[in-house]
PDB file of N, CA and C in Angstrom:
ATOM      1  N   MET A   1      -8.470  10.487   0.844  1.00  0.00           N
ATOM      2  CA  MET A   1      -8.571   9.452  -0.250  1.00  0.00           C
ATOM      3  C   MET A   1      -9.021   7.858   0.747  1.00  0.00           C
ATOM      4  N   SER A   2      -9.590   7.024  -0.121  1.00  0.00           N
ATOM      5  CA  SER A   2      -9.968   6.067   0.178  1.00  0.00           C
ATOM      6  C   SER A   2      -8.525   5.045   0.746  1.00  0.00           C
ATOM      7  N   THR A   3      -9.219   3.955   1.471  1.00  0.00           N
ATOM      8  CA  THR A   3      -8.136   2.930   1.933  1.00  0.00           C
ATOM      9  C   THR A   3      -8.392   1.691   1.269  1.00  0.00           C
ATOM     10  N   ILE A   4      -7.553   0.749   0.895  1.00  0.00           N
ATOM     11  CA  ILE A   4      -7.685  -0.585   0.386  1.00  0.00           C
ATOM     12  C   ILE A   4      -6.860  -1.547   1.486  1.00  0.00           C
ATOM     13  N   LYS A   5      -7.632  -2.671   1.567  1.00  0.00           N
ATOM     14  CA  LYS A   5      -6.781  -3.841   2.361  1.00  0.00           C
ATOM     15  C   LYS A   5      -6.029  -4.960   1.565  1.00  0.00           C
ATOM     16  N   ILE A   6      -4.982  -5.144   1.562  1.00  0.00           N
ATOM     17  CA  ILE A   6      -4.055  -6.009   0.461  1.00  0.00           C
ATOM     18  C   ILE A   6      -3.785  -7.014   1.456  1.00  0.00           C
ATOM     19  N   LYS A   7      -4.113  -8.244   0.730  1.00  0.00           N
ATOM     20  CA  LYS A   7      -3.705  -9.815   1.320  1.00  0.00           C
ATOM     21  C   LYS A   7      -2.947 -10.345   0.440  1.00  0.00           C
ATOM     22  N   GLN A   8      -1.755 -10.925   1.192  1.00  0.00           N
ATOM     23  CA  GLN A   8      -0.771 -11.817   0.308  1.00  0.00           C
ATOM     24  C   GLN A   8      -1.402 -13.309   0.451  1.00  0.00           C
ATOM     25  N   ILE A   9      -1.537 -13.770  -0.779  1.00  0.00           N
ATOM     26  CA  ILE A   9      -2.124 -14.855  -1.231  1.00  0.00           C
ATOM     27  C   ILE A   9      -1.235 -16.184  -1.840  1.00  0.00           C
ATOM     28  N   LYS A  10       0.031 -15.675  -2.015  1.00  0.00           N
ATOM     29  CA  LYS A  10       0.935 -16.571  -2.579  1.00  0.00           C
ATOM     30  C   LYS A  10       2.079 -16.286  -1.965  1.00  0.00           C
ATOM     31  N   SER A  11       2.848 -17.497  -1.943  1.00  0.00           N
ATOM     32  CA  SER A  11       4.439 -17.244  -1.241  1.00  0.00           C
ATOM     33  C   SER A  11       5.404 -16.394  -2.395  1.00  0.00           C
ATOM     34  N   ARG A  12       6.488 -15.901  -1.556  1.00  0.00           N
ATOM     35  CA  ARG A  12       7.121 -15.005  -2.065  1.00  0.00           C
ATOM     36  C   ARG A  12       8.494 -15.873  -2.412  1.00  0.00           C
ATOM     37  N   ILE A  13       8.430 -17.065  -2.083  1.00  0.00           N
ATOM     38  CA  ILE A  13       9.714 -18.025  -2.546  1.00  0.00           C
ATOM     39  C   ILE A  13       9.486 -18.041  -4.073  1.00  0.00           C
ATOM     40  N   GLY A  14      10.571 -17.872  -4.709  1.00  0.00           N
ATOM     41  CA  GLY A  14      10.700 -18.364  -5.895  1.00  0.00           C
ATOM     42  C   GLY A  14      10.511 -16.836  -6.788  1.00  0.00           C
ATOM     43  N   ALA A  15       9.929 -15.772  -5.982  1.00  0.00           N
ATOM     44  CA  ALA A  15       9.713 -14.318  -6.671  1.00  0.00           C
ATOM     45  C   ALA A  15      11.263 -13.712  -6.932  1.00  0.00           C
ATOM     46  N   PRO A  16      11.210 -13.034  -7.921  1.00  0.00           N
ATOM     47  CA  PRO A  16      12.299 -12.092  -8.105  1.00  0.00           C
ATOM     48  C   PRO A  16      12.749 -11.171  -6.951  1.00  0.00           C
ATOM     49  N   ALA A  17      13.716 -10.758  -6.791  1.00  0.00           N
ATOM     50  CA  ALA A  17      14.225  -9.910  -5.862  1.00  0.00           C
ATOM     51  C   ALA A  17      13.329  -8.495  -5.761  1.00  0.00           C
ATOM     52  N   ASP A  18      13.229  -8.008  -6.861  1.00  0.00           N
ATOM     53  CA  ASP A  18      12.522  -6.541  -6.980  1.00  0.00           C
ATOM     54  C   ASP A  18      10.945  -6.993  -6.389  1.00  0.00           C
ATOM     55  N   GLN A  19      10.385  -8.106  -6.671  1.00  0.00           N
ATOM     56  CA  GLN A  19       8.973  -8.598  -6.137  1.00  0.00           C
ATOM     57  C   GLN A  19       9.151  -8.569  -4.712  1.00  0.00           C
ATOM     58  N   LYS A  20      10.049  -9.210  -4.164  1.00  0.00           N
ATOM     59  CA  LYS A  20      10.216  -9.302  -2.759  1.00  0.00           C
ATOM     60  C   LYS A  20      10.278  -7.962  -2.202  1.00  0.00           C
ATOM     61  N   ARG A  21      11.285  -7.242  -2.573  1.00  0.00           N
ATOM     62  CA  ARG A  21      11.131  -5.899  -2.018  1.00  0.00           C
ATOM     63  C   ARG A  21      10.044  -4.942  -2.181  1.00  0.00           C
ATOM     64  N   THR A  22       9.063  -5.188  -3.146  1.00  0.00           N
ATOM     65  CA  THR A  22       7.577  -4.580  -3.257  1.00  0.00           C
ATOM     66  C   THR A  22       6.813  -5.082  -2.308  1.00  0.00           C
ATOM     67  N   LEU A  23       6.660  -6.227  -1.832  1.00  0.00           N
ATOM     68  CA  LEU A  23       6.032  -7.087  -0.749  1.00  0.00           C
ATOM     69  C   LEU A  23       6.413  -6.406   0.555  1.00  0.00           C
ATOM     70  N   ASP A  24       7.796  -6.236   0.742  1.00  0.00           N
ATOM     71  CA  ASP A  24       8.402  -5.841   1.753  1.00  0.00           C
ATOM     72  C   ASP A  24       8.117  -4.360   1.939  1.00  0.00           C
ATOM     73  N   ALA A  25       8.029  -3.675   1.090  1.00  0.00           N
ATOM     74  CA  ALA A  25       7.588  -2.080   1.337  1.00  0.00           C
ATOM     75  C   ALA A  25       5.987  -1.977   1.424  1.00  0.00           C
ATOM     76  N   LEU A  26       5.275  -2.766   0.968  1.00  0.00           N
ATOM     77  CA  LEU A  26       3.745  -2.995   1.322  1.00  0.00           C
ATOM     78  C   LEU A  26       3.498  -3.322   2.595  1.00  0.00           C
ATOM     79  N   GLY A  27       4.480  -3.920   3.114  1.00  0.00           N
ATOM     80  CA  GLY A  27       4.331  -4.301   4.751  1.00  0.00           C
ATOM     81  C   GLY A  27       3.576  -5.813   4.775  1.00  0.00           C
ATOM     82  N   LEU A  28       3.955  -6.631   3.566  1.00  0.00           N
ATOM     83  CA  LEU A  28       3.465  -8.069   3.485  1.00  0.00           C
ATOM     84  C   LEU A  28       4.760  -8.952   3.581  1.00  0.00           C
ATOM     85  N   ARG A  29       4.835  -9.633   4.755  1.00  0.00           N
ATOM     86  CA  ARG A  29       6.140 -10.501   4.870  1.00  0.00           C
ATOM     87  C   ARG A  29       5.886 -11.942   5.342  1.00  0.00           C
ATOM     88  N   LYS A  30       4.445 -12.243   5.625  1.00  0.00           N
ATOM     89  CA  LYS A  30       4.045 -13.620   5.793  1.00  0.00           C
ATOM     90  C   LYS A  30       2.833 -14.028   5.120  1.00  0.00           C
ATOM     91  N   LEU A  31       2.457 -15.164   4.718  1.00  0.00           N
ATOM     92  CA  LEU A  31       1.346 -15.462   3.863  1.00  0.00           C
ATOM     93  C   LEU A  31       0.172 -14.969   4.755  1.00  0.00           C
ATOM     94  N   ASN A  32      -1.090 -14.680   3.789  1.00  0.00           N
ATOM     95  CA  ASN A  32      -2.346 -14.303   4.524  1.00  0.00           C
ATOM     96  C   ASN A  32      -2.141 -13.197   5.459  1.00  0.00           C
ATOM     97  N   ARG A  33      -1.207 -12.341   5.454  1.00  0.00           N
ATOM     98  CA  ARG A  33      -1.080 -11.385   5.941  1.00  0.00           C
ATOM     99  C   ARG A  33      -1.716 -10.311   5.380  1.00  0.00           C
ATOM    100  N   VAL A  34      -2.663  -9.553   6.012  1.00  0.00           N
ATOM    101  CA  VAL A  34      -3.721  -8.159   5.528  1.00  0.00           C
ATOM    102  C   VAL A  34      -3.125  -6.839   6.042  1.00  0.00           C
ATOM    103  N   VAL A  35      -2.856  -6.071   5.088  1.00  0.00           N
ATOM    104  CA  VAL A  35      -2.452  -4.501   5.468  1.00  0.00           C
ATOM    105  C   VAL A  35      -3.443  -3.587   4.867  1.00  0.00           C
ATOM    106  N   GLU A  36      -3.465  -2.335   5.518  1.00  0.00           N
ATOM    107  CA  GLU A  36      -4.385  -1.502   4.931  1.00  0.00           C
ATOM    108  C   GLU A  36      -3.437  -0.244   4.517  1.00  0.00           C
ATOM    109  N   HIS A  37      -3.538   0.229   3.338  1.00  0.00           N
ATOM    110  CA  HIS A  37      -2.894   1.369   2.882  1.00  0.00           C
ATOM    111  C   HIS A  37      -3.809   2.447   2.255  1.00  0.00           C
ATOM    112  N   GLU A  38      -3.579   3.822   2.020  1.00  0.00           N
ATOM    113  CA  GLU A  38      -4.425   4.637   1.154  1.00  0.00           C
ATOM    114  C   GLU A  38      -4.128   4.241  -0.210  1.00  0.00           C
ATOM    115  N   SER A  39      -5.308   4.490  -0.697  1.00  0.00           N
ATOM    116  CA  SER A  39      -5.400   4.260  -2.255  1.00  0.00           C
ATOM    117  C   SER A  39      -4.826   5.164  -3.428  1.00  0.00           C
ATOM    118  N   THR A  40      -3.238   5.358  -3.311  1.00  0.00           N
ATOM    119  CA  THR A  40      -2.543   6.293  -4.050  1.00  0.00           C
ATOM    120  C   THR A  40      -2.096   5.810  -5.110  1.00  0.00           C
ATOM    121  N   PRO A  41      -1.523   6.368  -6.084  1.00  0.00           N
ATOM    122  CA  PRO A  41      -1.170   5.996  -7.380  1.00  0.00           C
ATOM    123  C   PRO A  41       0.004   5.076  -7.234  1.00  0.00           C
ATOM    124  N   SER A  42       0.773   5.350  -6.199  1.00  0.00           N
ATOM    125  CA  SER A  42       2.053   4.732  -5.939  1.00  0.00           C
ATOM    126  C   SER A  42       1.603   3.101  -5.305  1.00  0.00           C
ATOM    127  N   ILE A  43       0.731   3.212  -4.420  1.00  0.00           N
ATOM    128  CA  ILE A  43       0.429   1.884  -3.841  1.00  0.00           C
ATOM    129  C   ILE A  43      -0.274   0.900  -4.881  1.00  0.00           C
ATOM    130  N   LEU A  44      -1.305   1.727  -5.880  1.00  0.00           N
ATOM    131  CA  LEU A  44      -1.745   0.997  -6.560  1.00  0.00           C
ATOM    132  C   LEU A  44      -0.728   0.231  -7.704  1.00  0.00           C
ATOM    133  N   GLY A  45       0.145   0.837  -8.055  1.00  0.00           N
ATOM    134  CA  GLY A  45       1.527   0.479  -8.972  1.00  0.00           C
ATOM    135  C   GLY A  45       2.093  -0.827  -8.442  1.00  0.00           C
ATOM    136  N   MET A  46       2.390  -0.173  -7.049  1.00  0.00           N
ATOM    137  CA  MET A  46       3.062  -1.516  -6.198  1.00  0.00           C
ATOM    138  C   MET A  46       2.043  -3.010  -6.352  1.00  0.00           C
ATOM    139  N   VAL A  47       0.845  -2.736  -6.032  1.00  0.00           N
ATOM    140  CA  VAL A  47      -0.028  -3.795  -5.915  1.00  0.00           C
ATOM    141  C   VAL A  47      -0.133  -4.475  -7.427  1.00  0.00           C
ATOM    142  N   ASN A  48      -0.155  -3.461  -8.501  1.00  0.00           N
ATOM    143  CA  ASN A  48      -0.070  -4.324 -10.101  1.00  0.00           C
ATOM    144  C   ASN A  48       1.113  -4.934 -10.203  1.00  0.00           C
ATOM    145  N   LYS A  49       2.317  -4.503  -9.551  1.00  0.00           N
ATOM    146  CA  LYS A  49       3.473  -5.136 -10.067  1.00  0.00           C
ATOM    147  C   LYS A  49       3.458  -6.654  -9.391  1.00  0.00           C
ATOM    148  N   VAL A  50       2.664  -6.884  -8.470  1.00  0.00           N
ATOM    149  CA  VAL A  50       3.019  -8.136  -7.498  1.00  0.00           C
ATOM    150  C   VAL A  50       1.431  -8.571  -7.480  1.00  0.00           C
ATOM    151  N   LYS A  51       0.740  -8.307  -8.465  1.00  0.00           N
ATOM    152  CA  LYS A  51      -0.874  -8.832  -8.605  1.00  0.00           C
ATOM    153  C   LYS A  51      -0.990  -9.996  -8.708  1.00  0.00           C
ATOM    154  N   HIS A  52      -0.030 -10.916  -9.014  1.00  0.00           N
ATOM    155  CA  HIS A  52      -0.011 -12.745  -9.019  1.00  0.00           C
ATOM    156  C   HIS A  52       0.048 -12.949  -7.720  1.00  0.00           C
ATOM    157  N   LEU A  53       0.544 -12.258  -6.707  1.00  0.00           N
ATOM    158  CA  LEU A  53       0.843 -12.776  -5.345  1.00  0.00           C
ATOM    159  C   LEU A  53       0.021 -12.221  -4.192  1.00  0.00           C
ATOM    160  N   VAL A  54      -0.706 -11.208  -4.574  1.00  0.00           N
ATOM    161  CA  VAL A  54      -1.661 -10.357  -3.541  1.00  0.00           C
ATOM    162  C   VAL A  54      -3.178 -10.334  -4.270  1.00  0.00           C
ATOM    163  N   THR A  55      -3.994  -9.891  -3.529  1.00  0.00           N
ATOM    164  CA  THR A  55      -5.343  -9.707  -3.788  1.00  0.00           C
ATOM    165  C   THR A  55      -5.846  -8.648  -2.713  1.00  0.00           C
ATOM    166  N   ILE A  56      -6.679  -7.770  -3.396  1.00  0.00           N
ATOM    167  CA  ILE A  56      -7.222  -6.484  -2.747  1.00  0.00           C
ATOM    168  C   ILE A  56      -8.543  -7.183  -2.122  1.00  0.00           C
ATOM    169  N   VAL A  57      -8.606  -7.067  -0.471  1.00  0.00           N
ATOM    170  CA  VAL A  57      -9.842  -7.576  -0.003  1.00  0.00           C
ATOM    171  C   VAL A  57     -10.818  -6.486   0.243  1.00  0.00           C
ATOM    172  N   LYS A  58     -12.270  -6.701   0.042  1.00  0.00           N
ATOM    173  CA  LYS A  58     -13.212  -5.815   0.475  1.00  0.00           C
ATOM    174  C   LYS A  58     -13.506  -5.522   1.744  1.00  0.00           C
TER     175      LYS A  58
END
């Protein structure tokens, strides 16, 4: 499978607890952090859940 790079672009402050846990599961704990994951349906679903806080980097 291909890999995607995910970058946190907005702060987690004020986000609901389930979205904070999703960011933790993705490995995003600080602003502007970039992580790389395989492009699986579960990862894409997690990204979709917090799409207002993250972006996919090319």
